[in-house]
Protein backbone atom coordinates (compact mmCIF):
# COMPACT_ATOMS: atom_id res chain seq x y z
CA UNK A 1 -65.57 207.16 -72.93
CA UNK A 2 -67.52 207.20 -76.18
CA UNK A 3 -71.06 206.87 -74.91
CA UNK A 4 -73.72 209.17 -76.24
CA UNK A 5 -74.32 212.32 -74.22
CA UNK A 6 -78.01 213.08 -73.96
CA UNK A 7 -79.99 216.23 -73.20
CA UNK A 8 -80.97 214.65 -69.89
CA UNK A 9 -77.30 214.21 -68.99
CA UNK A 10 -76.62 217.82 -69.92
CA UNK A 11 -79.46 219.01 -67.68
CA UNK A 12 -77.89 217.16 -64.75
CA UNK A 13 -74.40 218.40 -65.56
CA UNK A 14 -75.68 221.97 -65.78
CA UNK A 15 -76.85 221.74 -62.17
CA UNK A 16 -73.73 219.95 -60.93
CA UNK A 17 -71.19 222.43 -62.26
CA UNK A 18 -72.94 225.33 -60.55
CA UNK A 19 -71.24 224.35 -57.28
CA UNK A 20 -67.84 224.82 -58.90
CA UNK A 21 -68.45 228.33 -60.23
CA UNK A 22 -69.13 231.85 -59.07
CA UNK A 23 -72.48 233.29 -60.10
CA UNK A 24 -70.85 235.40 -62.80
CA UNK A 25 -68.76 232.48 -64.08
CA UNK A 26 -71.83 230.24 -64.14
CA UNK A 27 -73.67 232.74 -66.35
CA UNK A 28 -70.66 232.83 -68.65
CA UNK A 29 -70.52 229.03 -68.71
CA UNK A 30 -74.16 228.75 -69.74
CA UNK A 31 -73.52 231.29 -72.51
CA UNK A 32 -70.52 229.28 -73.71
CA UNK A 33 -72.72 226.19 -73.82
CA UNK A 34 -75.23 228.07 -75.98
CA UNK A 35 -72.51 229.33 -78.31
CA UNK A 36 -70.94 225.87 -78.51
CA UNK A 37 -74.29 224.49 -79.65
CA UNK A 38 -74.55 227.15 -82.36
CA UNK A 39 -71.03 226.47 -83.61
CA UNK A 40 -71.57 222.72 -83.54
CA UNK A 41 -74.66 223.16 -85.74
CA UNK A 42 -72.41 224.78 -88.36
CA UNK A 43 -69.43 222.45 -88.16
CA UNK A 44 -70.00 219.30 -86.06
CA UNK A 45 -73.74 218.67 -85.62
CA UNK A 46 -73.20 215.07 -84.52
CA UNK A 47 -70.98 216.29 -81.67
CA UNK A 48 -73.23 219.07 -80.40
CA UNK A 49 -74.04 217.52 -77.03
CA UNK A 50 -70.44 216.52 -76.43
CA UNK A 51 -69.22 220.02 -77.26
CA UNK A 52 -71.84 221.54 -74.95
CA UNK A 53 -70.63 219.22 -72.17
CA UNK A 54 -67.08 220.46 -72.69
CA UNK A 55 -68.40 224.02 -72.49
CA UNK A 56 -70.10 223.31 -69.17
CA UNK A 57 -66.87 221.88 -67.74
CA UNK A 58 -64.26 224.21 -69.22
CA UNK A 59 -63.99 226.64 -66.29
CA UNK A 60 -64.67 224.46 -63.24
CA UNK A 61 -61.40 225.49 -61.56
CA UNK A 62 -61.31 229.12 -62.75
CA UNK A 63 -62.34 230.48 -59.35
CA UNK A 64 -59.31 228.97 -57.59
CA UNK A 65 -56.34 231.15 -56.68
CA UNK A 66 -52.76 230.38 -57.66
CA UNK A 67 -52.00 228.45 -54.47
CA UNK A 68 -54.95 226.13 -54.97
CA UNK A 69 -54.19 225.76 -58.68
CA UNK A 70 -50.66 224.66 -57.82
CA UNK A 71 -51.99 222.26 -55.18
CA UNK A 72 -54.24 220.66 -57.78
CA UNK A 73 -51.34 220.41 -60.20
CA UNK A 74 -49.28 218.62 -57.58
CA UNK A 75 -52.20 216.33 -56.70
CA UNK A 76 -52.78 215.35 -60.34
CA UNK A 77 -49.10 215.22 -61.31
CA UNK A 78 -49.43 218.13 -63.73
CA UNK A 79 -46.17 219.69 -64.85
CA UNK A 80 -46.05 223.47 -64.39
CA UNK A 81 -43.66 225.68 -66.34
CA UNK A 82 -42.16 228.83 -64.86
CA UNK A 83 -44.43 230.94 -67.04
CA UNK A 84 -47.52 229.04 -65.93
CA UNK A 85 -46.58 229.41 -62.26
CA UNK A 86 -46.82 233.17 -62.78
CA UNK A 87 -50.13 232.99 -64.65
CA UNK A 88 -52.96 231.14 -62.88
CA UNK A 89 -55.29 231.98 -65.75
CA UNK A 90 -53.31 229.50 -67.83
CA UNK A 91 -53.29 226.81 -65.15
CA UNK A 92 -57.06 226.53 -64.91
CA UNK A 93 -57.28 224.87 -68.32
CA UNK A 94 -55.02 222.05 -67.16
CA UNK A 95 -56.60 221.65 -63.74
CA UNK A 96 -60.14 221.83 -65.13
CA UNK A 97 -59.40 218.96 -67.51
CA UNK A 98 -57.97 216.89 -64.67
CA UNK A 99 -60.87 217.65 -62.33
CA UNK A 100 -63.41 216.93 -65.06
CA UNK A 101 -61.88 213.50 -65.57
CA UNK A 102 -62.07 212.78 -61.83
CA UNK A 103 -65.45 214.30 -60.96
CA UNK A 104 -67.39 213.85 -64.21
CA UNK A 105 -66.14 210.61 -65.79
CA UNK A 106 -69.34 210.11 -67.80
CA UNK A 107 -68.36 213.14 -69.91
CA UNK A 108 -64.59 212.91 -69.77
CA UNK A 109 -63.57 211.33 -73.06
CA UNK A 110 -60.42 212.39 -74.87
CA UNK A 111 -62.21 214.97 -77.06
CA UNK A 112 -63.78 216.77 -74.13
CA UNK A 113 -60.65 216.73 -72.00
CA UNK A 114 -58.42 217.96 -74.81
CA UNK A 115 -60.81 220.79 -75.66
CA UNK A 116 -60.85 221.90 -72.03
CA UNK A 117 -57.07 221.65 -71.84
CA UNK A 118 -56.53 223.96 -74.84
CA UNK A 119 -59.49 226.34 -74.58
CA UNK A 120 -57.39 229.23 -73.23
CA UNK A 121 -54.14 229.24 -75.19
CA UNK A 122 -54.93 227.14 -78.24
CA UNK A 123 -52.19 225.01 -79.76
CA UNK A 124 -50.66 224.12 -83.09
CA UNK A 125 -52.61 221.28 -84.67
CA UNK A 126 -55.89 222.04 -82.89
CA UNK A 127 -58.75 219.73 -83.75
CA UNK A 128 -62.01 221.21 -84.99
CA UNK A 129 -63.64 220.20 -81.70
CA UNK A 130 -60.96 222.07 -79.72
CA UNK A 131 -61.22 225.15 -81.94
CA UNK A 132 -64.98 225.32 -81.52
CA UNK A 133 -64.77 225.33 -77.73
CA UNK A 134 -62.01 227.94 -77.86
CA UNK A 135 -64.17 230.20 -80.03
CA UNK A 136 -67.34 229.58 -78.02
CA UNK A 137 -65.49 230.75 -74.92
CA UNK A 138 -64.10 233.81 -76.70
CA UNK A 139 -67.23 235.10 -78.41
CA UNK A 140 -70.18 233.87 -76.37
CA UNK A 141 -73.05 236.36 -76.65
CA UNK A 142 -72.84 237.93 -73.17
CA UNK A 143 -69.22 239.05 -73.60
CA UNK A 144 -69.11 242.78 -74.29
CA UNK A 145 -65.34 243.39 -74.43
CA UNK A 146 -64.47 245.20 -77.65
CA UNK A 147 -62.37 242.31 -79.00
CA UNK A 148 -65.12 239.79 -78.26
CA UNK A 149 -67.72 241.91 -80.03
CA UNK A 150 -65.42 242.43 -83.01
CA UNK A 151 -64.59 238.75 -83.29
CA UNK A 152 -68.23 237.69 -82.99
CA UNK A 153 -69.27 240.17 -85.68
CA UNK A 154 -66.39 239.16 -87.96
CA UNK A 155 -67.28 235.47 -87.72
CA UNK A 156 -71.04 235.68 -88.14
CA UNK A 157 -71.00 238.28 -90.89
CA UNK A 158 -68.69 236.03 -92.91
CA UNK A 159 -70.09 232.61 -92.07
CA UNK A 160 -73.66 233.61 -92.98
CA UNK A 161 -72.56 234.44 -96.53
CA UNK A 162 -71.25 230.94 -97.32
CA UNK A 163 -72.89 227.54 -97.51
CA UNK A 164 -70.26 224.89 -98.25
CA UNK A 165 -68.45 223.36 -95.29
CA UNK A 166 -65.11 224.08 -96.95
CA UNK A 167 -66.00 227.78 -97.09
CA UNK A 168 -67.14 227.76 -93.46
CA UNK A 169 -63.84 226.15 -92.49
CA UNK A 170 -61.97 229.01 -94.16
CA UNK A 171 -64.03 231.51 -92.16
CA UNK A 172 -63.19 229.54 -89.03
CA UNK A 173 -59.48 229.63 -89.86
CA UNK A 174 -59.56 233.39 -90.40
CA UNK A 175 -61.46 233.88 -87.17
CA UNK A 176 -58.97 231.82 -85.19
CA UNK A 177 -56.07 233.88 -86.54
CA UNK A 178 -57.85 237.10 -85.66
CA UNK A 179 -58.59 235.84 -82.14
CA UNK A 180 -54.92 235.03 -81.52
CA UNK A 181 -53.86 238.40 -82.95
CA UNK A 182 -56.22 240.14 -80.53
CA UNK A 183 -55.05 238.09 -77.57
CA UNK A 184 -51.37 238.67 -78.31
CA UNK A 185 -51.89 242.42 -78.80
CA UNK A 186 -53.74 242.67 -75.50
CA UNK A 187 -51.06 240.75 -73.61
CA UNK A 188 -48.33 242.91 -75.12
CA UNK A 189 -50.23 246.06 -74.15
CA UNK A 190 -50.44 244.77 -70.58
CA UNK A 191 -46.76 243.83 -70.50
CA UNK A 192 -47.86 240.26 -69.76
CA UNK A 193 -46.37 236.96 -70.80
CA UNK A 194 -47.48 235.57 -74.16
CA UNK A 195 -47.79 231.83 -73.93
CA UNK A 196 -45.75 229.94 -76.51
CA UNK A 197 -48.71 227.71 -77.38
CA UNK A 198 -50.71 230.77 -78.42
CA UNK A 199 -47.98 231.97 -80.76
CA UNK A 200 -47.62 228.50 -82.26
CA UNK A 201 -51.39 228.20 -82.65
CA UNK A 202 -51.56 231.50 -84.50
CA UNK A 203 -48.77 230.52 -86.85
CA UNK A 204 -50.35 227.14 -87.52
CA UNK A 205 -53.76 228.63 -88.37
CA UNK A 206 -52.12 231.10 -90.75
CA UNK A 207 -51.66 228.28 -93.24
CA UNK A 208 -54.47 228.48 -95.82
CA UNK A 209 -54.14 224.76 -96.41
CA UNK A 210 -55.79 223.92 -93.07
């Protein structure tokens, strides 16, 4: 769908998604919406409402355990790799996109669904819309993890010193690389699987030509 998303629609969506989320996750979701709006103002002002809708929908299956995630995957015909079967945190991005398309069709255009799908791992060739949701989720203002604080400070200290969109895009690229570096280091420290899409995303964003 390509219809305009209005503030009134966002108000309704904000109430609807509450039933899908824990209280803590709902607070996070509202913070991601706020951050998405701030990032959209810098990079995609015409898409601000659409990006905020994606933010409201990005975690609607996060509360589900692995069994229920796999049930949703089967129901929606979603392919699950061996790595994903061991990591429900990765599955929620796929299942949230599928559930958003089913339960919230007024918001579920290709941009929104793709951003939800890739908001956790990233991917090579990410669109600007996808990258903004990924970053909004990572560095929303209520997150106090050291990496989140560092990333947020890195981005805003740099982006406030430039004016041209091209310069802001370079700050965005650097911030994305740093975010993937942090994620990979944390996963390695935990002895956890590092998703291939995350590695490929990092390598793709390393190119200064992007």
